[in-house]
Amino acid sequence: MTLLDIELVQQRIDEKGLRKDWIINQIGLKKTAGHMMLRDGLLPKDPSRKEEALKKLASILGLEVPQILLTPGRPSRRTA
């Protein structure tokens, strides 16, 4: 199961001074789904919606899609 790297995403949101509600509106998700994505890392189930949301989010943050995803076996960026 692939999840959003919420630590990296939150760091970039803070660096750019963006608001989560604005981002959710820009990526085209409903508020509940958008907040679950940005808070918990849960991605939309619909493959086309997920792909589109990830592309838009990565573009807003100035990153590539693979950079904002956590996949099984890939360590998180957490530090002590």
PDB file of N, CA and C in Angstrom:
ATOM      1  N   MET A   1       0.844  -1.184   0.000  1.00  0.00           N
ATOM      2  CA  MET A   1       0.000   0.000   0.000  1.00  0.00           C
ATOM      3  C   MET A   1       0.888   1.247   0.000  1.00  0.00           C
ATOM      4  N   THR A   2       0.579   2.151  -0.864  1.00  0.00           N
ATOM      5  CA  THR A   2       1.342   3.384  -0.984  1.00  0.00           C
ATOM      6  C   THR A   2       0.648   4.498  -0.206  1.00  0.00           C
ATOM      7  N   LEU A   3       1.436   5.261   0.513  1.00  0.00           N
ATOM      8  CA  LEU A   3       0.924   6.390   1.289  1.00  0.00           C
ATOM      9  C   LEU A   3       1.664   7.662   0.907  1.00  0.00           C
ATOM     10  N   LEU A   4       1.065   8.773   1.213  1.00  0.00           N
ATOM     11  CA  LEU A   4       1.695  10.066   1.018  1.00  0.00           C
ATOM     12  C   LEU A   4       2.720  10.287   2.132  1.00  0.00           C
ATOM     13  N   ASP A   5       3.876  10.801   1.787  1.00  0.00           N
ATOM     14  CA  ASP A   5       4.904  11.127   2.782  1.00  0.00           C
ATOM     15  C   ASP A   5       4.489  12.438   3.448  1.00  0.00           C
ATOM     16  N   ILE A   6       3.672  12.319   4.484  1.00  0.00           N
ATOM     17  CA  ILE A   6       3.086  13.515   5.088  1.00  0.00           C
ATOM     18  C   ILE A   6       4.114  14.423   5.744  1.00  0.00           C
ATOM     19  N   GLU A   7       5.205  13.868   6.210  1.00  0.00           N
ATOM     20  CA  GLU A   7       6.241  14.710   6.826  1.00  0.00           C
ATOM     21  C   GLU A   7       6.879  15.623   5.790  1.00  0.00           C
ATOM     22  N   LEU A   8       7.246  15.062   4.651  1.00  0.00           N
ATOM     23  CA  LEU A   8       7.848  15.858   3.591  1.00  0.00           C
ATOM     24  C   LEU A   8       6.845  16.875   3.044  1.00  0.00           C
ATOM     25  N   VAL A   9       5.613  16.418   2.821  1.00  0.00           N
ATOM     26  CA  VAL A   9       4.582  17.310   2.288  1.00  0.00           C
ATOM     27  C   VAL A   9       4.332  18.468   3.254  1.00  0.00           C
ATOM     28  N   GLN A  10       4.200  18.182   4.540  1.00  0.00           N
ATOM     29  CA  GLN A  10       3.957  19.238   5.523  1.00  0.00           C
ATOM     30  C   GLN A  10       5.133  20.214   5.584  1.00  0.00           C
ATOM     31  N   GLN A  11       6.333  19.680   5.485  1.00  0.00           N
ATOM     32  CA  GLN A  11       7.526  20.533   5.495  1.00  0.00           C
ATOM     33  C   GLN A  11       7.483  21.500   4.317  1.00  0.00           C
ATOM     34  N   ARG A  12       7.156  20.986   3.130  1.00  0.00           N
ATOM     35  CA  ARG A  12       7.095  21.848   1.940  1.00  0.00           C
ATOM     36  C   ARG A  12       5.955  22.857   2.032  1.00  0.00           C
ATOM     37  N   ILE A  13       4.818  22.436   2.583  1.00  0.00           N
ATOM     38  CA  ILE A  13       3.694  23.359   2.759  1.00  0.00           C
ATOM     39  C   ILE A  13       4.111  24.507   3.669  1.00  0.00           C
ATOM     40  N   ASP A  14       4.785  24.182   4.767  1.00  0.00           N
ATOM     41  CA  ASP A  14       5.243  25.208   5.701  1.00  0.00           C
ATOM     42  C   ASP A  14       6.278  26.127   5.055  1.00  0.00           C
ATOM     43  N   GLU A  15       7.221  25.538   4.306  1.00  0.00           N
ATOM     44  CA  GLU A  15       8.266  26.335   3.646  1.00  0.00           C
ATOM     45  C   GLU A  15       7.663  27.328   2.659  1.00  0.00           C
ATOM     46  N   LYS A  16       6.630  26.899   1.942  1.00  0.00           N
ATOM     47  CA  LYS A  16       6.027  27.746   0.926  1.00  0.00           C
ATOM     48  C   LYS A  16       4.919  28.651   1.491  1.00  0.00           C
ATOM     49  N   GLY A  17       4.561  28.425   2.749  1.00  0.00           N
ATOM     50  CA  GLY A  17       3.528  29.241   3.367  1.00  0.00           C
ATOM     51  C   GLY A  17       2.152  29.019   2.767  1.00  0.00           C
ATOM     52  N   LEU A  18       1.852  27.792   2.380  1.00  0.00           N
ATOM     53  CA  LEU A  18       0.572  27.475   1.748  1.00  0.00           C
ATOM     54  C   LEU A  18      -0.458  27.063   2.792  1.00  0.00           C
ATOM     55  N   ARG A  19      -1.722  27.192   2.437  1.00  0.00           N
ATOM     56  CA  ARG A  19      -2.818  26.750   3.306  1.00  0.00           C
ATOM     57  C   ARG A  19      -3.368  25.442   2.769  1.00  0.00           C
ATOM     58  N   LYS A  20      -3.663  24.522   3.672  1.00  0.00           N
ATOM     59  CA  LYS A  20      -4.152  23.201   3.264  1.00  0.00           C
ATOM     60  C   LYS A  20      -5.469  23.285   2.506  1.00  0.00           C
ATOM     61  N   ASP A  21      -6.377  24.146   2.937  1.00  0.00           N
ATOM     62  CA  ASP A  21      -7.660  24.263   2.239  1.00  0.00           C
ATOM     63  C   ASP A  21      -7.455  24.714   0.791  1.00  0.00           C
ATOM     64  N   TRP A  22      -6.526  25.620   0.570  1.00  0.00           N
ATOM     65  CA  TRP A  22      -6.229  26.082  -0.787  1.00  0.00           C
ATOM     66  C   TRP A  22      -5.664  24.931  -1.621  1.00  0.00           C
ATOM     67  N   ILE A  23      -4.748  24.165  -1.033  1.00  0.00           N
ATOM     68  CA  ILE A  23      -4.146  23.028  -1.745  1.00  0.00           C
ATOM     69  C   ILE A  23      -5.224  22.018  -2.113  1.00  0.00           C
ATOM     70  N   ILE A  24      -6.091  21.691  -1.164  1.00  0.00           N
ATOM     71  CA  ILE A  24      -7.159  20.716  -1.411  1.00  0.00           C
ATOM     72  C   ILE A  24      -8.045  21.183  -2.555  1.00  0.00           C
ATOM     73  N   ASN A  25      -8.369  22.461  -2.575  1.00  0.00           N
ATOM     74  CA  ASN A  25      -9.170  23.016  -3.662  1.00  0.00           C
ATOM     75  C   ASN A  25      -8.437  22.900  -4.994  1.00  0.00           C
ATOM     76  N   GLN A  26      -7.143  23.184  -5.001  1.00  0.00           N
ATOM     77  CA  GLN A  26      -6.358  23.149  -6.226  1.00  0.00           C
ATOM     78  C   GLN A  26      -6.210  21.731  -6.790  1.00  0.00           C
ATOM     79  N   ILE A  27      -6.105  20.738  -5.898  1.00  0.00           N
ATOM     80  CA  ILE A  27      -5.910  19.373  -6.404  1.00  0.00           C
ATOM     81  C   ILE A  27      -7.241  18.686  -6.723  1.00  0.00           C
ATOM     82  N   GLY A  28      -8.351  19.348  -6.409  1.00  0.00           N
ATOM     83  CA  GLY A  28      -9.652  18.863  -6.843  1.00  0.00           C
ATOM     84  C   GLY A  28     -10.279  17.783  -5.980  1.00  0.00           C
ATOM     85  N   LEU A  29      -9.936  17.748  -4.712  1.00  0.00           N
ATOM     86  CA  LEU A  29     -10.545  16.772  -3.812  1.00  0.00           C
ATOM     87  C   LEU A  29     -11.574  17.454  -2.931  1.00  0.00           C
ATOM     88  N   LYS A  30     -12.522  16.659  -2.436  1.00  0.00           N
ATOM     89  CA  LYS A  30     -13.451  17.178  -1.438  1.00  0.00           C
ATOM     90  C   LYS A  30     -12.664  17.415  -0.160  1.00  0.00           C
ATOM     91  N   LYS A  31     -13.169  18.290   0.687  1.00  0.00           N
ATOM     92  CA  LYS A  31     -12.422  18.662   1.902  1.00  0.00           C
ATOM     93  C   LYS A  31     -12.079  17.460   2.773  1.00  0.00           C
ATOM     94  N   THR A  32     -13.031  16.561   2.975  1.00  0.00           N
ATOM     95  CA  THR A  32     -12.775  15.402   3.837  1.00  0.00           C
ATOM     96  C   THR A  32     -11.662  14.545   3.263  1.00  0.00           C
ATOM     97  N   ALA A  33     -11.753  14.219   1.983  1.00  0.00           N
ATOM     98  CA  ALA A  33     -10.736  13.387   1.333  1.00  0.00           C
ATOM     99  C   ALA A  33      -9.388  14.099   1.317  1.00  0.00           C
ATOM    100  N   GLY A  34      -9.408  15.390   1.069  1.00  0.00           N
ATOM    101  CA  GLY A  34      -8.166  16.159   1.037  1.00  0.00           C
ATOM    102  C   GLY A  34      -7.478  16.219   2.388  1.00  0.00           C
ATOM    103  N   HIS A  35      -8.258  16.427   3.438  1.00  0.00           N
ATOM    104  CA  HIS A  35      -7.666  16.472   4.775  1.00  0.00           C
ATOM    105  C   HIS A  35      -7.134  15.098   5.186  1.00  0.00           C
ATOM    106  N   MET A  36      -7.842  14.031   4.819  1.00  0.00           N
ATOM    107  CA  MET A  36      -7.344  12.680   5.118  1.00  0.00           C
ATOM    108  C   MET A  36      -6.039  12.419   4.383  1.00  0.00           C
ATOM    109  N   MET A  37      -5.943  12.938   3.173  1.00  0.00           N
ATOM    110  CA  MET A  37      -4.722  12.753   2.390  1.00  0.00           C
ATOM    111  C   MET A  37      -3.562  13.515   3.025  1.00  0.00           C
ATOM    112  N   LEU A  38      -3.776  14.767   3.370  1.00  0.00           N
ATOM    113  CA  LEU A  38      -2.695  15.598   3.900  1.00  0.00           C
ATOM    114  C   LEU A  38      -2.381  15.311   5.363  1.00  0.00           C
ATOM    115  N   ARG A  39      -3.363  14.834   6.124  1.00  0.00           N
ATOM    116  CA  ARG A  39      -3.151  14.567   7.546  1.00  0.00           C
ATOM    117  C   ARG A  39      -2.674  13.132   7.807  1.00  0.00           C
ATOM    118  N   ASP A  40      -3.309  12.171   7.109  1.00  0.00           N
ATOM    119  CA  ASP A  40      -3.042  10.758   7.383  1.00  0.00           C
ATOM    120  C   ASP A  40      -2.247  10.059   6.279  1.00  0.00           C
ATOM    121  N   GLY A  41      -2.097  10.712   5.145  1.00  0.00           N
ATOM    122  CA  GLY A  41      -1.369  10.108   4.039  1.00  0.00           C
ATOM    123  C   GLY A  41      -2.199   9.168   3.192  1.00  0.00           C
ATOM    124  N   LEU A  42      -3.505   9.107   3.439  1.00  0.00           N
ATOM    125  CA  LEU A  42      -4.383   8.208   2.696  1.00  0.00           C
ATOM    126  C   LEU A  42      -4.706   8.799   1.328  1.00  0.00           C
ATOM    127  N   LEU A  43      -4.508   8.002   0.292  1.00  0.00           N
ATOM    128  CA  LEU A  43      -4.740   8.456  -1.070  1.00  0.00           C
ATOM    129  C   LEU A  43      -6.118   8.023  -1.550  1.00  0.00           C
ATOM    130  N   PRO A  44      -6.702   8.757  -2.505  1.00  0.00           N
ATOM    131  CA  PRO A  44      -8.003   8.354  -3.058  1.00  0.00           C
ATOM    132  C   PRO A  44      -7.930   6.939  -3.645  1.00  0.00           C
ATOM    133  N   LYS A  45      -9.040   6.207  -3.544  1.00  0.00           N
ATOM    134  CA  LYS A  45      -9.071   4.833  -4.058  1.00  0.00           C
ATOM    135  C   LYS A  45      -9.146   4.781  -5.577  1.00  0.00           C
ATOM    136  N   ASP A  46      -9.836   5.731  -6.171  1.00  0.00           N
ATOM    137  CA  ASP A  46      -9.979   5.769  -7.622  1.00  0.00           C
ATOM    138  C   ASP A  46      -8.620   6.061  -8.249  1.00  0.00           C
ATOM    139  N   PRO A  47      -8.104   5.152  -9.087  1.00  0.00           N
ATOM    140  CA  PRO A  47      -6.747   5.327  -9.647  1.00  0.00           C
ATOM    141  C   PRO A  47      -6.552   6.621 -10.434  1.00  0.00           C
ATOM    142  N   SER A  48      -7.542   7.006 -11.237  1.00  0.00           N
ATOM    143  CA  SER A  48      -7.371   8.227 -12.031  1.00  0.00           C
ATOM    144  C   SER A  48      -7.396   9.462 -11.136  1.00  0.00           C
ATOM    145  N   ARG A  49      -8.288   9.470 -10.144  1.00  0.00           N
ATOM    146  CA  ARG A  49      -8.354  10.607  -9.211  1.00  0.00           C
ATOM    147  C   ARG A  49      -7.072  10.690  -8.391  1.00  0.00           C
ATOM    148  N   LYS A  50      -6.559   9.529  -7.956  1.00  0.00           N
ATOM    149  CA  LYS A  50      -5.325   9.493  -7.178  1.00  0.00           C
ATOM    150  C   LYS A  50      -4.159  10.034  -8.001  1.00  0.00           C
ATOM    151  N   GLU A  51      -4.039   9.571  -9.225  1.00  0.00           N
ATOM    152  CA  GLU A  51      -2.940  10.016 -10.088  1.00  0.00           C
ATOM    153  C   GLU A  51      -2.999  11.520 -10.334  1.00  0.00           C
ATOM    154  N   GLU A  52      -4.190  12.020 -10.618  1.00  0.00           N
ATOM    155  CA  GLU A  52      -4.353  13.450 -10.887  1.00  0.00           C
ATOM    156  C   GLU A  52      -4.041  14.285  -9.643  1.00  0.00           C
ATOM    157  N   ALA A  53      -4.532  13.847  -8.484  1.00  0.00           N
ATOM    158  CA  ALA A  53      -4.289  14.580  -7.243  1.00  0.00           C
ATOM    159  C   ALA A  53      -2.801  14.601  -6.911  1.00  0.00           C
ATOM    160  N   LEU A  54      -2.125  13.477  -7.095  1.00  0.00           N
ATOM    161  CA  LEU A  54      -0.694  13.410  -6.806  1.00  0.00           C
ATOM    162  C   LEU A  54       0.110  14.302  -7.740  1.00  0.00           C
ATOM    163  N   LYS A  55      -0.249  14.309  -9.017  1.00  0.00           N
ATOM    164  CA  LYS A  55       0.459  15.163  -9.982  1.00  0.00           C
ATOM    165  C   LYS A  55       0.305  16.637  -9.608  1.00  0.00           C
ATOM    166  N   LYS A  56      -0.919  17.027  -9.275  1.00  0.00           N
ATOM    167  CA  LYS A  56      -1.166  18.430  -8.925  1.00  0.00           C
ATOM    168  C   LYS A  56      -0.458  18.807  -7.634  1.00  0.00           C
ATOM    169  N   LEU A  57      -0.521  17.922  -6.630  1.00  0.00           N
ATOM    170  CA  LEU A  57       0.138  18.211  -5.357  1.00  0.00           C
ATOM    171  C   LEU A  57       1.647  18.327  -5.541  1.00  0.00           C
ATOM    172  N   ALA A  58       2.234  17.393  -6.278  1.00  0.00           N
ATOM    173  CA  ALA A  58       3.677  17.434  -6.523  1.00  0.00           C
ATOM    174  C   ALA A  58       4.058  18.729  -7.241  1.00  0.00           C
ATOM    175  N   SER A  59       3.248  19.134  -8.202  1.00  0.00           N
ATOM    176  CA  SER A  59       3.523  20.366  -8.939  1.00  0.00           C
ATOM    177  C   SER A  59       3.466  21.584  -8.020  1.00  0.00           C
ATOM    178  N   ILE A  60       2.451  21.649  -7.165  1.00  0.00           N
ATOM    179  CA  ILE A  60       2.308  22.773  -6.223  1.00  0.00           C
ATOM    180  C   ILE A  60       3.518  22.840  -5.298  1.00  0.00           C
ATOM    181  N   LEU A  61       4.004  21.676  -4.863  1.00  0.00           N
ATOM    182  CA  LEU A  61       5.111  21.621  -3.910  1.00  0.00           C
ATOM    183  C   LEU A  61       6.483  21.699  -4.570  1.00  0.00           C
ATOM    184  N   GLY A  62       6.523  21.652  -5.902  1.00  0.00           N
ATOM    185  CA  GLY A  62       7.799  21.713  -6.613  1.00  0.00           C
ATOM    186  C   GLY A  62       8.583  20.418  -6.518  1.00  0.00           C
ATOM    187  N   LEU A  63       7.881  19.300  -6.448  1.00  0.00           N
ATOM    188  CA  LEU A  63       8.517  17.986  -6.341  1.00  0.00           C
ATOM    189  C   LEU A  63       7.984  17.063  -7.424  1.00  0.00           C
ATOM    190  N   GLU A  64       8.582  15.892  -7.528  1.00  0.00           N
ATOM    191  CA  GLU A  64       8.101  14.855  -8.433  1.00  0.00           C
ATOM    192  C   GLU A  64       7.205  13.913  -7.630  1.00  0.00           C
ATOM    193  N   VAL A  65       6.263  13.247  -8.303  1.00  0.00           N
ATOM    194  CA  VAL A  65       5.337  12.347  -7.616  1.00  0.00           C
ATOM    195  C   VAL A  65       6.052  11.288  -6.779  1.00  0.00           C
ATOM    196  N   PRO A  66       7.074  10.586  -7.301  1.00  0.00           N
ATOM    197  CA  PRO A  66       7.721   9.561  -6.456  1.00  0.00           C
ATOM    198  C   PRO A  66       8.330  10.116  -5.168  1.00  0.00           C
ATOM    199  N   GLN A  67       8.697  11.385  -5.162  1.00  0.00           N
ATOM    200  CA  GLN A  67       9.295  11.995  -3.975  1.00  0.00           C
ATOM    201  C   GLN A  67       8.298  12.167  -2.836  1.00  0.00           C
ATOM    202  N   ILE A  68       7.019  12.283  -3.142  1.00  0.00           N
ATOM    203  CA  ILE A  68       6.029  12.529  -2.098  1.00  0.00           C
ATOM    204  C   ILE A  68       5.312  11.259  -1.652  1.00  0.00           C
ATOM    205  N   LEU A  69       5.776  10.112  -2.127  1.00  0.00           N
ATOM    206  CA  LEU A  69       5.147   8.850  -1.767  1.00  0.00           C
ATOM    207  C   LEU A  69       6.041   8.003  -0.881  1.00  0.00           C
ATOM    208  N   LEU A  70       5.396   7.275   0.027  1.00  0.00           N
ATOM    209  CA  LEU A  70       6.070   6.252   0.818  1.00  0.00           C
ATOM    210  C   LEU A  70       5.574   4.909   0.308  1.00  0.00           C
ATOM    211  N   THR A  71       6.483   4.020   0.015  1.00  0.00           N
ATOM    212  CA  THR A  71       6.091   2.691  -0.432  1.00  0.00           C
ATOM    213  C   THR A  71       6.653   1.662   0.541  1.00  0.00           C
ATOM    214  N   PRO A  72       6.043   0.488   0.628  1.00  0.00           N
ATOM    215  CA  PRO A  72       6.553  -0.533   1.547  1.00  0.00           C
ATOM    216  C   PRO A  72       8.026  -0.828   1.282  1.00  0.00           C
ATOM    217  N   GLY A  73       8.777  -0.939   2.351  1.00  0.00           N
ATOM    218  CA  GLY A  73      10.197  -1.237   2.220  1.00  0.00           C
ATOM    219  C   GLY A  73      11.070  -0.009   2.100  1.00  0.00           C
ATOM    220  N   ARG A  74      10.460   1.146   1.878  1.00  0.00           N
ATOM    221  CA  ARG A  74      11.214   2.393   1.783  1.00  0.00           C
ATOM    222  C   ARG A  74      11.157   3.084   3.135  1.00  0.00           C
ATOM    223  N   PRO A  75      12.287   3.326   3.757  1.00  0.00           N
ATOM    224  CA  PRO A  75      12.270   3.940   5.089  1.00  0.00           C
ATOM    225  C   PRO A  75      11.724   5.367   5.040  1.00  0.00           C
ATOM    226  N   SER A  76      11.078   5.771   6.110  1.00  0.00           N
ATOM    227  CA  SER A  76      10.575   7.136   6.187  1.00  0.00           C
ATOM    228  C   SER A  76      11.749   8.064   6.476  1.00  0.00           C
ATOM    229  N   ARG A  77      11.478   9.356   6.390  1.00  0.00           N
ATOM    230  CA  ARG A  77      12.524  10.344   6.616  1.00  0.00           C
ATOM    231  C   ARG A  77      12.592  10.769   8.069  1.00  0.00           C
ATOM    232  N   ARG A  78      11.931  10.050   8.954  1.00  0.00           N
ATOM    233  CA  ARG A  78      11.921  10.429  10.371  1.00  0.00           C
ATOM    234  C   ARG A  78      13.298  10.332  10.978  1.00  0.00           C
ATOM    235  N   THR A  79      13.572  11.300  11.829  1.00  0.00           N
ATOM    236  CA  THR A  79      14.857  11.297  12.543  1.00  0.00           C
ATOM    237  C   THR A  79      14.566  11.370  14.035  1.00  0.00           C
ATOM    238  N   ALA A  80      15.556  11.033  14.817  1.00  0.00           N
ATOM    239  CA  ALA A  80      15.345  10.992  16.263  1.00  0.00           C
ATOM    240  C   ALA A  80      15.158  12.320  16.844  1.00  0.00           C
TER     241      ALA A  80
END
